[in-house]
Amino acid sequence: MFDLYIANKNYSSWSLRPWVLMKVLDIPFNEHLMPFEGGLGESRDTFLRFSPSGLVPCLVDMTASGELAIWDSLAIIEYLAEHHKAVWPSDKLARAWARSAAAEMHSGFGALRDDCSMNCGVRVELKGLSDNLKADVARLDTLWQQGLERFGGPYLAGANFTAVDAFYAPVAFRVQTFNLPVSEDAKAYVEHLLALPAMRAWYQSALEEQWREPMHETETLKNGALIADYRQP
């Protein structure tokens, strides 16, 4: 049995990636939610108890030789793929494309991350889109349409939910929160992801969280105005 350490479901986009993949693929794990303590840096000492980097997510596996910690979302995905074939597409071309698209999400889209931080429970009206954010949204749209058209959908690399969809799952929440201007095909993909039982479960838990972390709240509104907050008081 795996142990997966995550942070707030309302904010932690990196935590969502392995969590939703394991849920959709029915990979058993014990969930350990460790809320942020006033900001990323202030949580580090607590997170170091289970994560070598002091960051989340972190997957812990008890092996024959002892406890093994995997502390990066992409590394977690690849470790899971060694145990479960369904993590990546079975088709070689689809698998190569999916790995490339997941790696691009892992290392890129800086403006999307900075200007539209994940905050599942609110809705924000942006004052405008910077040139860098426009470029990220355009690239996102192109990438999604390419995958959907090439491999037939409804997921990015074909008929089944795989790791590449898990990597873009937090973006679906960002599109919802900030009403990002994407194409109709991209909107349909977002709606498909948001309708997944695992995504609905994550969203509901995010709404029920009682924590409000000032750094994340400030980041959410730095480029826009709050128009709705669906979280419990």
Protein backbone atom coordinates (compact mmCIF):
# COMPACT_ATOMS: atom_id res chain seq x y z
CA MET A 1 0.00 0.00 0.00
CA PHE A 2 1.25 3.45 -0.92
CA ASP A 3 1.09 6.51 1.32
CA LEU A 4 0.52 9.80 -0.52
CA TYR A 5 1.24 13.06 1.28
CA ILE A 6 -0.54 16.11 -0.11
CA ALA A 7 -1.40 19.67 0.93
CA ASN A 8 -4.63 21.69 0.78
CA LYS A 9 -6.94 20.46 -1.95
CA ASN A 10 -8.08 24.00 -2.59
CA TYR A 11 -4.57 25.18 -3.49
CA SER A 12 -2.16 22.33 -4.16
CA SER A 13 -2.08 21.70 -7.90
CA TRP A 14 0.99 19.49 -7.64
CA SER A 15 -0.74 17.27 -5.08
CA LEU A 16 -3.76 16.83 -7.35
CA ARG A 17 -1.75 15.22 -10.14
CA PRO A 18 -0.77 11.89 -8.53
CA TRP A 19 -3.91 11.88 -6.38
CA VAL A 20 -6.35 12.02 -9.30
CA LEU A 21 -4.32 9.54 -11.34
CA MET A 22 -4.34 7.00 -8.53
CA LYS A 23 -8.04 7.54 -7.90
CA VAL A 24 -9.08 7.17 -11.55
CA LEU A 25 -6.88 4.11 -12.06
CA ASP A 26 -7.97 2.53 -8.76
CA ILE A 27 -4.45 2.39 -7.36
CA PRO A 28 -4.88 1.94 -3.58
CA PHE A 29 -3.21 4.46 -1.28
CA ASN A 30 -3.49 6.06 2.13
CA GLU A 31 -4.05 9.82 1.93
CA HIS A 32 -2.23 12.15 4.33
CA LEU A 33 -3.31 15.77 4.00
CA MET A 34 -0.83 18.23 5.53
CA PRO A 35 -2.12 21.81 5.21
CA PHE A 36 0.18 24.67 4.34
CA GLU A 37 1.36 26.51 7.44
CA GLY A 38 1.32 30.15 6.43
CA GLY A 39 3.08 29.66 3.11
CA LEU A 40 5.30 27.27 1.22
CA GLY A 41 8.48 28.07 3.14
CA GLU A 42 6.86 27.95 6.55
CA SER A 43 5.59 24.43 5.90
CA ARG A 44 9.02 23.07 5.07
CA ASP A 45 10.01 21.83 8.52
CA THR A 46 6.75 19.89 8.87
CA PHE A 47 6.95 18.50 5.35
CA LEU A 48 10.56 17.40 5.90
CA ARG A 49 9.23 14.76 8.27
CA PHE A 50 8.02 12.76 5.29
CA SER A 51 9.43 14.47 2.17
CA PRO A 52 13.19 14.80 1.50
CA SER A 53 12.60 18.07 -0.39
CA GLY A 54 10.23 19.54 2.17
CA LEU A 55 7.60 19.78 -0.57
CA VAL A 56 4.44 17.93 -1.60
CA PRO A 57 3.35 15.66 -3.08
CA CYS A 58 5.42 12.82 -1.71
CA LEU A 59 4.70 9.13 -2.25
CA VAL A 60 5.99 6.68 0.34
CA ASP A 61 6.28 2.99 -0.44
CA MET A 62 7.24 0.35 2.09
CA THR A 63 9.50 -2.03 0.19
CA ALA A 64 11.37 -5.16 1.25
CA SER A 65 14.42 -2.99 1.95
CA GLY A 66 12.51 -0.38 3.93
CA GLU A 67 10.71 2.93 3.39
CA LEU A 68 11.12 4.56 -0.02
CA ALA A 69 10.08 8.17 -0.59
CA ILE A 70 9.43 9.62 -4.07
CA TRP A 71 9.07 13.38 -3.78
CA ASP A 72 8.38 14.92 -7.18
CA SER A 73 5.11 14.65 -9.08
CA LEU A 74 6.73 13.46 -12.32
CA ALA A 75 8.94 11.00 -10.46
CA ILE A 76 5.86 9.71 -8.62
CA ILE A 77 4.05 9.17 -11.92
CA GLU A 78 6.99 7.26 -13.39
CA TYR A 79 7.32 5.16 -10.25
CA LEU A 80 3.64 4.27 -10.43
CA ALA A 81 4.08 3.40 -14.11
CA GLU A 82 6.60 0.72 -13.09
CA HIS A 83 3.79 -0.99 -11.18
CA HIS A 84 0.73 -0.15 -13.28
CA LYS A 85 0.74 -0.27 -17.10
CA ALA A 86 -2.32 1.97 -17.43
CA VAL A 87 -0.44 5.05 -16.17
CA TRP A 88 0.75 5.83 -19.72
CA PRO A 89 -0.97 5.00 -23.04
CA SER A 90 -0.26 1.54 -24.43
CA ASP A 91 0.32 2.87 -27.96
CA LYS A 92 3.96 3.90 -28.52
CA LEU A 93 3.19 7.12 -30.41
CA ALA A 94 0.50 8.18 -27.95
CA ARG A 95 2.81 7.38 -25.05
CA ALA A 96 5.65 9.48 -26.47
CA TRP A 97 3.29 12.39 -27.10
CA ALA A 98 1.76 12.08 -23.63
CA ARG A 99 5.17 12.06 -21.95
CA SER A 100 6.22 15.15 -23.91
CA ALA A 101 3.01 17.01 -23.05
CA ALA A 102 3.26 16.06 -19.37
CA ALA A 103 6.89 17.17 -19.22
CA GLU A 104 5.96 20.49 -20.83
CA MET A 105 3.35 21.06 -18.13
CA HIS A 106 5.81 20.03 -15.44
CA SER A 107 8.44 22.54 -16.50
CA GLY A 108 6.55 25.23 -18.42
CA PHE A 109 3.48 27.47 -18.42
CA GLY A 110 5.07 29.90 -15.96
CA ALA A 111 2.66 32.74 -16.62
CA LEU A 112 -0.34 30.47 -16.17
CA ARG A 113 1.00 29.35 -12.80
CA ASP A 114 1.93 32.87 -11.66
CA ASP A 115 -1.15 34.74 -12.87
CA CYS A 116 -3.75 32.01 -12.22
CA SER A 117 -2.78 30.05 -9.13
CA MET A 118 -5.09 27.15 -8.31
CA ASN A 119 -7.87 28.07 -5.91
CA CYS A 120 -10.72 25.64 -6.58
CA GLY A 121 -13.42 27.23 -4.50
CA VAL A 122 -13.50 30.77 -5.88
CA ARG A 123 -14.28 32.56 -9.13
CA VAL A 124 -12.15 35.49 -10.24
CA GLU A 125 -12.63 38.09 -12.96
CA LEU A 126 -9.23 38.90 -14.41
CA LYS A 127 -8.37 42.55 -15.10
CA GLY A 128 -6.76 41.39 -18.29
CA LEU A 129 -4.34 38.85 -19.68
CA SER A 130 -0.66 39.64 -19.92
CA ASP A 131 1.12 38.81 -23.16
CA ASN A 132 2.83 35.87 -21.46
CA LEU A 133 -0.46 34.53 -20.13
CA LYS A 134 -2.07 34.89 -23.56
CA ALA A 135 0.81 32.89 -25.02
CA ASP A 136 0.42 30.17 -22.40
CA VAL A 137 -3.34 29.91 -22.97
CA ALA A 138 -2.83 29.75 -26.73
CA ARG A 139 -0.21 27.02 -26.36
CA LEU A 140 -2.46 25.13 -23.98
CA ASP A 141 -5.31 25.27 -26.46
CA THR A 142 -3.11 24.12 -29.34
CA LEU A 143 -1.65 21.27 -27.32
CA TRP A 144 -5.02 20.00 -26.14
CA GLN A 145 -6.58 20.17 -29.59
CA GLN A 146 -3.59 18.36 -31.06
CA GLY A 147 -3.93 15.48 -28.62
CA LEU A 148 -7.70 15.23 -28.89
CA GLU A 149 -7.66 15.26 -32.69
CA ARG A 150 -4.66 12.98 -33.15
CA PHE A 151 -5.69 10.28 -30.70
CA GLY A 152 -9.47 10.56 -30.91
CA GLY A 153 -10.33 11.69 -27.36
CA PRO A 154 -12.11 12.07 -25.09
CA TYR A 155 -8.80 12.23 -23.20
CA LEU A 156 -5.61 13.84 -24.44
CA ALA A 157 -3.94 10.61 -25.54
CA GLY A 158 -6.97 8.54 -26.47
CA ALA A 159 -9.90 6.74 -24.93
CA ASN A 160 -8.44 6.34 -21.44
CA PHE A 161 -7.43 8.74 -18.67
CA THR A 162 -3.65 8.59 -18.29
CA ALA A 163 -0.85 10.54 -16.65
CA VAL A 164 -0.96 13.35 -19.19
CA ASP A 165 -4.57 14.11 -18.20
CA ALA A 166 -3.54 14.06 -14.55
CA PHE A 167 -0.90 16.68 -15.27
CA TYR A 168 -3.47 18.99 -16.85
CA ALA A 169 -6.21 18.33 -14.28
CA PRO A 170 -5.23 21.39 -12.19
CA VAL A 171 -5.50 23.52 -15.34
CA ALA A 172 -9.15 22.49 -15.62
CA PHE A 173 -9.75 24.06 -12.22
CA ARG A 174 -7.82 27.17 -13.29
CA VAL A 175 -9.94 27.54 -16.41
CA GLN A 176 -13.04 27.30 -14.21
CA THR A 177 -11.79 29.72 -11.56
CA PHE A 178 -10.52 32.42 -13.93
CA ASN A 179 -12.82 31.79 -16.92
CA LEU A 180 -9.83 31.57 -19.22
CA PRO A 181 -10.57 32.14 -22.92
CA VAL A 182 -10.10 28.72 -24.50
CA SER A 183 -11.68 27.16 -27.58
CA GLU A 184 -14.91 25.18 -27.53
CA ASP A 185 -12.95 21.92 -27.87
CA ALA A 186 -10.80 22.87 -24.90
CA LYS A 187 -13.88 23.84 -22.88
CA ALA A 188 -15.42 20.45 -23.63
CA TYR A 189 -12.25 18.73 -22.42
CA VAL A 190 -12.27 20.83 -19.23
CA GLU A 191 -15.90 19.92 -18.58
CA HIS A 192 -15.09 16.26 -19.19
CA LEU A 193 -12.29 16.37 -16.61
CA LEU A 194 -14.36 18.28 -14.05
CA ALA A 195 -17.15 15.71 -14.36
CA LEU A 196 -14.92 12.80 -13.37
CA PRO A 197 -15.97 11.34 -10.00
CA ALA A 198 -12.41 11.75 -8.68
CA MET A 199 -12.31 15.41 -9.70
CA ARG A 200 -15.73 16.04 -8.17
CA ALA A 201 -14.55 14.41 -4.95
CA TRP A 202 -11.42 16.58 -4.85
CA TYR A 203 -13.48 19.71 -5.53
CA GLN A 204 -16.01 18.91 -2.82
CA SER A 205 -13.24 18.33 -0.29
CA ALA A 206 -11.64 21.62 -1.33
CA LEU A 207 -14.91 23.47 -0.68
CA GLU A 208 -15.19 21.90 2.77
CA GLU A 209 -11.67 22.83 3.90
CA GLN A 210 -11.58 25.35 6.73
CA TRP A 211 -8.05 26.61 6.08
CA ARG A 212 -7.36 29.99 4.49
CA GLU A 213 -3.68 30.52 3.71
CA PRO A 214 -2.89 34.24 3.18
CA MET A 215 -0.13 33.78 0.60
CA HIS A 216 -2.30 31.67 -1.69
CA GLU A 217 -5.31 33.93 -1.20
CA THR A 218 -3.26 36.99 -2.15
CA GLU A 219 -1.81 35.26 -5.22
CA THR A 220 -5.30 34.33 -6.40
CA LEU A 221 -6.44 37.94 -6.52
CA LYS A 222 -3.28 39.72 -7.62
CA ASN A 223 -4.57 40.11 -11.19
CA GLY A 224 -8.31 40.14 -10.68
CA ALA A 225 -11.35 40.62 -8.48
CA LEU A 226 -13.26 38.04 -6.49
CA ILE A 227 -16.75 37.49 -7.88
CA ALA A 228 -17.76 34.32 -5.99
CA ASP A 229 -16.53 32.15 -3.13
CA TYR A 230 -18.18 28.73 -2.84
CA ARG A 231 -16.11 27.52 0.10
CA GLN A 232 -17.61 26.90 3.49
CA PRO A 233 -17.11 29.89 5.82
